[in-house]
Amino acid sequence: MTAPAASTGCRPSSVGAVTLSSRQVRDLLSEHGLTPSRALGQNFLCDPGTVDKIVRLAGVGPGDRVVEIGAGLGSLTLGLADAGAHVLAVEVDRYLIPALIETTAGLDVETRILVKEDLPGLLRKAFASPRWKPQVVALSGVTDAYQPIERRTRLTRRCLEVFAEFRNPVAVVTKSSLV
């Protein structure tokens, strides 16, 4: 499932996952006329070791469904897709969407990138469907890079409340005290 390095501009890490290098992050930001938003507390992941560790600690593997909140430019998204997961990338900064789509082109990432603060409502609707089969859903990113916006929107916390309401198992890797 790893896209060729030439088509994505991504580089493999020592254990097989892909991510964006710091130069690629700078280039993507420059190409799209973007700068990290202080208001959103944005930092962009560019360390393959960190990507590998997050994927490993979350226990993400082939066929898993992952909701990545705060996908940014897609560095972690690439590692999750490389692990075989189906990724739904959620990004609240609409200006990052074109770069995120460019980064994840050709990978098993939800084709519609959501910029939704109503994600808890979307989860509730999915869980209420008779077709939903309870399964572990891994939340990654969980707004660590977006702590100021998490403080305002409580997006991750509200999603976790929906998981609890429907008694659906969820795996979370975070350093944030806000969730």
Protein backbone atom coordinates (compact mmCIF):
# COMPACT_ATOMS: atom_id res chain seq x y z
CA MET A 1 0.00 0.00 0.00
CA THR A 2 3.03 2.28 0.12
CA ALA A 3 2.96 4.72 -2.77
CA PRO A 4 6.20 5.04 -4.75
CA ALA A 5 8.49 7.74 -3.41
CA ALA A 6 8.57 9.52 -6.77
CA SER A 7 4.81 10.00 -6.92
CA THR A 8 4.26 11.23 -3.36
CA GLY A 9 7.56 12.86 -2.53
CA CYS A 10 7.58 10.80 0.67
CA ARG A 11 10.48 8.84 2.01
CA PRO A 12 10.44 5.43 3.66
CA SER A 13 11.62 5.23 7.23
CA SER A 14 13.90 2.54 8.56
CA VAL A 15 10.98 0.25 9.37
CA GLY A 16 8.91 0.80 6.25
CA ALA A 17 6.47 3.60 7.07
CA VAL A 18 6.52 6.77 5.04
CA THR A 19 6.33 10.35 6.15
CA LEU A 20 7.22 13.81 4.94
CA SER A 21 10.73 15.08 5.60
CA SER A 22 11.20 18.51 7.15
CA ARG A 23 12.24 19.84 3.73
CA GLN A 24 9.11 18.36 2.12
CA VAL A 25 6.96 19.98 4.82
CA ARG A 26 8.62 23.36 4.15
CA ASP A 27 8.22 22.88 0.38
CA LEU A 28 4.54 21.92 0.68
CA LEU A 29 3.84 24.91 2.89
CA SER A 30 5.66 27.20 0.46
CA GLU A 31 3.97 25.73 -2.67
CA HIS A 32 0.55 26.29 -1.11
CA GLY A 33 1.39 29.71 0.36
CA LEU A 34 0.89 28.47 3.91
CA THR A 35 2.51 29.13 7.26
CA PRO A 36 1.76 27.28 10.50
CA SER A 37 -1.09 28.94 12.36
CA ARG A 38 -0.21 30.06 15.88
CA ALA A 39 -3.92 30.39 16.64
CA LEU A 40 -4.33 26.67 15.89
CA GLY A 41 -1.05 25.71 17.59
CA GLN A 42 0.11 23.99 14.39
CA ASN A 43 3.28 21.90 14.25
CA PHE A 44 3.88 19.49 11.39
CA LEU A 45 5.19 15.97 11.96
CA CYS A 46 8.28 15.12 9.91
CA ASP A 47 10.08 12.45 11.96
CA PRO A 48 9.64 8.88 10.66
CA GLY A 49 10.56 7.46 14.08
CA THR A 50 7.68 9.35 15.68
CA VAL A 51 5.28 8.18 12.96
CA ASP A 52 6.43 4.57 13.42
CA LYS A 53 6.04 4.83 17.21
CA ILE A 54 2.52 6.30 17.02
CA VAL A 55 1.39 3.62 14.55
CA ARG A 56 2.95 0.86 16.67
CA LEU A 57 1.60 2.11 20.01
CA ALA A 58 -1.88 2.53 18.56
CA GLY A 59 -1.72 -1.08 17.34
CA VAL A 60 -2.79 -0.04 13.84
CA GLY A 61 -2.68 -2.79 11.23
CA PRO A 62 -4.19 -3.98 7.97
CA GLY A 63 -7.93 -3.39 7.68
CA ASP A 64 -8.17 -1.16 10.76
CA ARG A 65 -10.27 1.98 10.50
CA VAL A 66 -8.55 5.09 11.77
CA VAL A 67 -10.06 8.52 12.30
CA GLU A 68 -7.16 10.96 12.25
CA ILE A 69 -8.14 14.29 13.80
CA GLY A 70 -5.84 17.11 12.81
CA ALA A 71 -4.29 15.40 9.78
CA GLY A 72 -2.34 18.51 8.83
CA LEU A 73 -0.16 17.89 5.79
CA GLY A 74 -0.60 14.12 6.06
CA SER A 75 2.66 12.85 7.56
CA LEU A 76 0.95 10.53 10.04
CA THR A 77 -1.77 9.76 7.49
CA LEU A 78 0.93 8.26 5.26
CA GLY A 79 2.23 6.03 8.05
CA LEU A 80 -1.27 4.86 8.96
CA ALA A 81 -2.10 4.04 5.34
CA ASP A 82 1.25 2.28 4.98
CA ALA A 83 0.30 0.07 7.95
CA GLY A 84 -2.75 -1.03 5.95
CA ALA A 85 -5.38 1.06 7.74
CA HIS A 86 -8.32 2.77 6.05
CA VAL A 87 -7.90 6.38 7.16
CA LEU A 88 -10.52 9.07 7.52
CA ALA A 89 -8.45 12.26 7.76
CA VAL A 90 -10.20 15.14 9.51
CA GLU A 91 -8.69 18.60 9.24
CA VAL A 92 -10.26 21.80 10.60
CA ASP A 93 -7.94 24.16 8.70
CA ARG A 94 -9.48 24.40 5.24
CA TYR A 95 -6.29 25.94 3.84
CA LEU A 96 -4.37 22.71 4.47
CA ILE A 97 -6.80 20.53 2.50
CA PRO A 98 -5.16 20.93 -0.96
CA ALA A 99 -1.73 20.00 0.45
CA LEU A 100 -3.24 17.06 2.39
CA ILE A 101 -4.95 15.77 -0.76
CA GLU A 102 -1.65 16.10 -2.66
CA THR A 103 0.25 14.20 0.03
CA THR A 104 -2.25 11.33 0.23
CA ALA A 105 -3.05 10.92 -3.47
CA GLY A 106 -3.29 7.25 -4.38
CA LEU A 107 -3.44 5.94 -0.82
CA ASP A 108 -6.27 4.24 1.08
CA VAL A 109 -7.41 7.49 2.64
CA GLU A 110 -11.01 8.64 2.61
CA THR A 111 -11.46 10.48 -0.66
CA ARG A 112 -13.46 13.23 0.91
CA ILE A 113 -11.37 15.05 3.46
CA LEU A 114 -13.66 16.42 6.13
CA VAL A 115 -13.36 19.83 7.65
CA LYS A 116 -16.07 19.24 10.21
CA GLU A 117 -16.51 20.42 13.70
CA ASP A 118 -19.62 18.21 13.77
CA LEU A 119 -17.59 14.98 13.64
CA PRO A 120 -19.27 13.72 16.84
CA GLY A 121 -22.62 13.95 15.03
CA LEU A 122 -21.21 12.06 12.04
CA LEU A 123 -19.88 9.34 14.37
CA ARG A 124 -23.23 9.14 16.15
CA LYS A 125 -24.99 8.69 12.79
CA ALA A 126 -22.53 5.97 11.70
CA PHE A 127 -22.80 4.10 15.02
CA ALA A 128 -26.62 4.29 14.96
CA SER A 129 -26.74 2.65 11.52
CA PRO A 130 -27.89 -0.98 11.61
CA ARG A 131 -24.99 -1.73 9.23
CA TRP A 132 -22.36 -0.61 11.78
CA LYS A 133 -20.49 -3.51 13.32
CA PRO A 134 -18.74 -2.49 16.56
CA GLN A 135 -14.98 -2.62 16.16
CA VAL A 136 -11.97 -0.87 17.60
CA VAL A 137 -11.50 2.54 16.02
CA ALA A 138 -8.09 4.17 16.48
CA LEU A 139 -8.06 7.92 16.99
CA SER A 140 -4.69 9.31 16.06
CA GLY A 141 -3.35 12.81 16.20
CA VAL A 142 -6.20 13.69 18.56
CA THR A 143 -5.48 17.37 18.22
CA ASP A 144 -2.12 17.30 20.01
CA ALA A 145 -0.94 19.81 17.44
CA TYR A 146 -4.23 21.66 17.76
CA GLN A 147 -4.48 22.14 21.51
CA PRO A 148 -5.75 25.74 21.25
CA ILE A 149 -8.57 24.69 18.93
CA GLU A 150 -9.32 21.57 21.01
CA ARG A 151 -9.72 23.86 23.99
CA ARG A 152 -12.37 25.77 22.01
CA THR A 153 -14.13 22.98 20.06
CA ARG A 154 -13.59 19.98 22.38
CA LEU A 155 -13.77 17.93 19.16
CA THR A 156 -11.81 14.92 20.39
CA ARG A 157 -13.48 14.89 23.79
CA ARG A 158 -16.92 15.04 22.15
CA CYS A 159 -15.96 12.15 19.84
CA LEU A 160 -14.83 10.08 22.84
CA GLU A 161 -18.19 10.78 24.49
CA VAL A 162 -19.94 9.31 21.41
CA PHE A 163 -17.70 6.22 21.56
CA ALA A 164 -18.69 5.81 25.22
CA GLU A 165 -22.39 6.41 24.49
CA PHE A 166 -22.39 3.58 21.90
CA ARG A 167 -19.98 1.43 23.91
CA ASN A 168 -17.76 1.18 20.83
CA PRO A 169 -14.12 0.39 21.60
CA VAL A 170 -11.60 3.12 20.79
CA ALA A 171 -7.80 3.32 20.91
CA VAL A 172 -6.20 6.70 21.61
CA VAL A 173 -2.58 7.83 21.56
CA THR A 174 -2.21 11.37 22.89
CA LYS A 175 -0.10 13.56 25.09
CA SER A 176 -2.86 16.13 25.41
CA SER A 177 -4.48 16.68 28.78
CA LEU A 178 -7.48 18.22 26.99
CA VAL A 179 -8.91 14.90 25.82
